[in-house]
Amino acid sequence: MLNTISQILSGRFWWVYAIIFFGKLLEVALATLRTSLIVKGEKILGAAVAALEYAIWILITATVLADFTSDPLKIVVLTLAFSLGQILGACLEEKLALGTSTINAVFSHRDEAENAARMLREKGFALTIFDGEGRENAPRTIIMMTLKRKHVDTAIKLIHKADPKAVISTSQSVSLDGGTMAGRFKTDTSSLFK
């Protein structure tokens, strides 16, 4: 079977270059996804993606290396696909929004922070609100929350709806131990855009 695949991919037909291009594009996108999965603690799924990625890598790389001196266009196609695969992988990972994030929102006025907290809780978000001090001992109110990455945009829109001047910092959480992270979210976000 591998011999047959090798013979099919050894020609100089347009579809050979297309297979090399899209195969490498997929392989690099999977490599980016695998890395993200493993970093976020999804080791089993990451290993499954790695197996598929490696099988594609062997097939495509062997095809190109078998006759790269007589067909340098395959090297160009492989290199271009590698570069674009990095972009595709990053976009894929961003769309999947795997893992958790931490949001810290700093408010100048307590009433705006409480309004934001109320709206966030109504949508099912778990959060902690507390007092802090800003520059020159100015009173500040802080909301801190850990949530699934796919819900970050919704939370930020709610915070900005309560206070457009709130200072928001977001960071990816590598691990989470204990605490509460709401498992239910009200999906009607139409009121966010009014």
Protein backbone atom coordinates (compact mmCIF):
# COMPACT_ATOMS: atom_id res chain seq x y z
CA MET A 1 0.00 0.00 0.00
CA LEU A 2 2.77 2.46 0.93
CA ASN A 3 4.52 1.57 -2.32
CA THR A 4 1.40 2.47 -4.28
CA ILE A 5 1.05 5.80 -2.45
CA SER A 6 4.72 6.54 -3.10
CA GLN A 7 4.33 5.82 -6.81
CA ILE A 8 1.23 8.01 -7.04
CA LEU A 9 3.01 10.91 -5.32
CA SER A 10 6.23 10.61 -7.31
CA GLY A 11 4.86 12.20 -10.48
CA ARG A 12 4.87 15.82 -11.57
CA PHE A 13 1.14 16.27 -11.94
CA TRP A 14 -0.67 19.28 -10.47
CA TRP A 15 -2.58 17.06 -8.04
CA VAL A 16 0.69 15.69 -6.59
CA TYR A 17 1.67 19.24 -5.61
CA ALA A 18 -1.84 19.82 -4.27
CA ILE A 19 -1.62 16.68 -2.10
CA ILE A 20 1.79 17.78 -0.78
CA PHE A 21 0.50 21.29 -0.10
CA PHE A 22 -2.73 20.34 1.67
CA GLY A 23 -1.13 17.39 3.46
CA LYS A 24 1.60 19.60 4.93
CA LEU A 25 -0.92 22.34 5.71
CA LEU A 26 -3.03 19.85 7.67
CA GLU A 27 0.01 18.31 9.39
CA VAL A 28 1.32 21.66 10.67
CA ALA A 29 -2.17 22.78 11.78
CA LEU A 30 -2.49 19.51 13.73
CA ALA A 31 0.95 20.09 15.30
CA THR A 32 -0.20 23.48 16.59
CA LEU A 33 -3.43 21.97 17.90
CA ARG A 34 -1.55 19.08 19.56
CA THR A 35 0.76 21.45 21.39
CA SER A 36 -2.18 23.48 22.64
CA LEU A 37 -4.04 20.37 23.80
CA ILE A 38 -1.08 19.03 25.76
CA VAL A 39 -0.31 22.40 27.37
CA LYS A 40 -3.96 22.66 28.47
CA GLY A 41 -3.90 19.21 30.05
CA GLU A 42 -5.68 17.24 27.29
CA LYS A 43 -2.90 14.65 27.05
CA ILE A 44 -4.89 11.72 25.60
CA LEU A 45 -6.51 13.81 22.86
CA GLY A 46 -3.13 15.47 22.23
CA ALA A 47 -1.50 12.05 21.78
CA ALA A 48 -4.22 10.98 19.32
CA VAL A 49 -3.71 14.15 17.29
CA ALA A 50 0.07 13.56 17.42
CA ALA A 51 -0.33 10.07 15.91
CA LEU A 52 -2.33 11.42 12.98
CA GLU A 53 0.04 14.37 12.56
CA TYR A 54 3.09 12.09 12.49
CA ALA A 55 1.54 9.72 9.94
CA ILE A 56 0.87 12.65 7.62
CA TRP A 57 4.37 14.02 8.24
CA ILE A 58 6.03 10.73 7.26
CA LEU A 59 3.95 10.38 4.10
CA ILE A 60 4.40 13.97 2.88
CA THR A 61 8.06 14.40 3.87
CA ALA A 62 9.08 11.04 2.39
CA THR A 63 7.35 11.99 -0.85
CA VAL A 64 9.23 15.26 -1.12
CA LEU A 65 12.62 13.92 -0.02
CA ALA A 66 12.45 10.96 -2.41
CA ASP A 67 13.12 13.12 -5.47
CA PHE A 68 13.71 16.69 -4.25
CA THR A 69 16.85 17.11 -6.39
CA SER A 70 14.97 16.39 -9.61
CA ASP A 71 11.84 18.33 -8.59
CA PRO A 72 12.70 21.37 -6.42
CA LEU A 73 9.15 22.70 -6.83
CA LYS A 74 8.06 20.12 -4.23
CA ILE A 75 10.38 21.80 -1.69
CA VAL A 76 8.84 25.20 -2.48
CA VAL A 77 5.31 23.80 -2.10
CA LEU A 78 6.26 22.07 1.17
CA THR A 79 7.83 25.24 2.59
CA LEU A 80 4.87 27.42 1.63
CA ALA A 81 2.42 24.94 3.14
CA PHE A 82 4.49 24.81 6.35
CA SER A 83 4.29 28.60 6.73
CA LEU A 84 0.57 28.77 6.01
CA GLY A 85 -0.03 25.76 8.28
CA GLN A 86 1.30 27.79 11.21
CA ILE A 87 -1.31 30.47 10.56
CA LEU A 88 -4.09 27.92 10.05
CA GLY A 89 -3.16 26.11 13.26
CA ALA A 90 -3.20 29.34 15.27
CA CYS A 91 -6.62 30.25 13.81
CA LEU A 92 -7.95 26.77 14.54
CA GLU A 93 -6.74 26.89 18.13
CA GLU A 94 -8.28 30.34 18.58
CA LYS A 95 -11.63 29.16 17.18
CA LEU A 96 -11.69 26.08 19.40
CA ALA A 97 -10.80 28.26 22.43
CA LEU A 98 -9.59 25.35 24.52
CA GLY A 99 -8.80 25.66 28.21
CA THR A 100 -9.58 28.31 30.79
CA SER A 101 -8.76 31.99 31.19
CA THR A 102 -8.63 34.39 34.10
CA ILE A 103 -10.13 37.85 33.80
CA ASN A 104 -9.32 40.71 36.15
CA ALA A 105 -11.46 43.82 35.70
CA VAL A 106 -10.66 47.01 37.63
CA PHE A 107 -13.40 49.61 38.14
CA SER A 108 -13.05 53.19 39.37
CA HIS A 109 -16.54 53.17 40.91
CA ARG A 110 -18.05 50.47 43.11
CA ASP A 111 -21.58 50.82 41.67
CA GLU A 112 -20.35 50.07 38.12
CA ALA A 113 -18.48 47.01 39.40
CA GLU A 114 -21.57 45.77 41.23
CA ASN A 115 -23.66 46.32 38.08
CA ALA A 116 -21.12 44.31 36.05
CA ALA A 117 -21.08 41.56 38.70
CA ARG A 118 -24.89 41.38 38.63
CA MET A 119 -24.98 41.11 34.81
CA LEU A 120 -22.21 38.49 34.77
CA ARG A 121 -23.93 36.39 37.44
CA GLU A 122 -27.25 36.62 35.58
CA LYS A 123 -25.49 35.01 32.59
CA GLY A 124 -24.17 32.22 34.84
CA PHE A 125 -20.59 33.39 35.42
CA ALA A 126 -18.89 32.73 38.76
CA LEU A 127 -16.77 35.61 40.06
CA THR A 128 -15.17 37.25 43.05
CA ILE A 129 -15.51 40.98 43.73
CA PHE A 130 -13.28 42.86 46.17
CA ASP A 131 -11.88 46.29 47.02
CA GLY A 132 -8.41 47.45 46.05
CA GLU A 133 -6.29 50.55 45.84
CA GLY A 134 -5.06 52.20 42.68
CA ARG A 135 -2.50 54.88 42.08
CA GLU A 136 -2.23 57.44 44.87
CA ASN A 137 -4.44 55.21 47.06
CA ALA A 138 -7.50 55.77 44.85
CA PRO A 139 -10.26 53.29 45.71
CA ARG A 140 -10.88 50.61 43.10
CA THR A 141 -13.18 47.62 42.86
CA ILE A 142 -11.91 44.45 41.21
CA ILE A 143 -13.77 41.55 39.67
CA MET A 144 -11.78 38.37 39.25
CA MET A 145 -13.09 35.32 37.43
CA THR A 146 -11.90 32.09 35.87
CA LEU A 147 -13.93 30.80 32.95
CA LYS A 148 -13.75 28.70 29.83
CA ARG A 149 -11.88 30.54 27.08
CA LYS A 150 -14.83 30.31 24.73
CA HIS A 151 -16.81 32.56 27.10
CA VAL A 152 -14.17 35.32 27.46
CA ASP A 153 -15.61 37.59 24.75
CA THR A 154 -19.10 37.44 26.27
CA ALA A 155 -17.76 38.32 29.72
CA ILE A 156 -15.72 41.24 28.37
CA LYS A 157 -18.76 42.62 26.51
CA LEU A 158 -20.81 42.49 29.70
CA ILE A 159 -18.07 44.25 31.68
CA HIS A 160 -17.76 46.99 29.05
CA LYS A 161 -21.53 47.35 28.95
CA ALA A 162 -21.47 48.11 32.69
CA ASP A 163 -18.37 50.34 32.48
CA PRO A 164 -16.70 51.16 29.15
CA LYS A 165 -13.69 52.51 31.09
CA ALA A 166 -13.05 49.34 33.10
CA VAL A 167 -9.48 48.09 32.82
CA ILE A 168 -9.55 44.42 31.84
CA SER A 169 -6.66 41.99 31.75
CA THR A 170 -7.03 38.44 30.47
CA SER A 171 -4.58 35.58 30.80
CA GLN A 172 -4.73 31.90 29.98
CA SER A 173 -4.87 29.61 32.99
CA VAL A 174 -2.64 26.56 32.82
CA SER A 175 -4.40 24.71 35.62
CA LEU A 176 -7.38 25.10 37.91
CA ASP A 177 -7.79 23.47 41.31
CA GLY A 178 -10.85 24.05 43.44
CA GLY A 179 -13.25 26.96 43.33
CA THR A 180 -16.35 27.40 41.24
CA MET A 181 -16.63 27.75 37.54
CA ALA A 182 -20.23 27.90 36.41
CA GLY A 183 -21.25 25.03 34.18
CA ARG A 184 -24.34 26.65 32.82
CA PHE A 185 -24.53 29.75 30.70
CA LYS A 186 -27.59 31.49 29.46
CA THR A 187 -27.14 31.57 25.72
CA ASP A 188 -29.26 34.59 24.83
CA THR A 189 -26.63 37.24 24.13
CA SER A 190 -28.88 39.48 22.02
CA SER A 191 -29.16 42.02 24.86
CA LEU A 192 -25.37 42.46 24.84
CA PHE A 193 -25.45 44.33 21.56
CA LYS A 194 -28.21 46.79 22.36
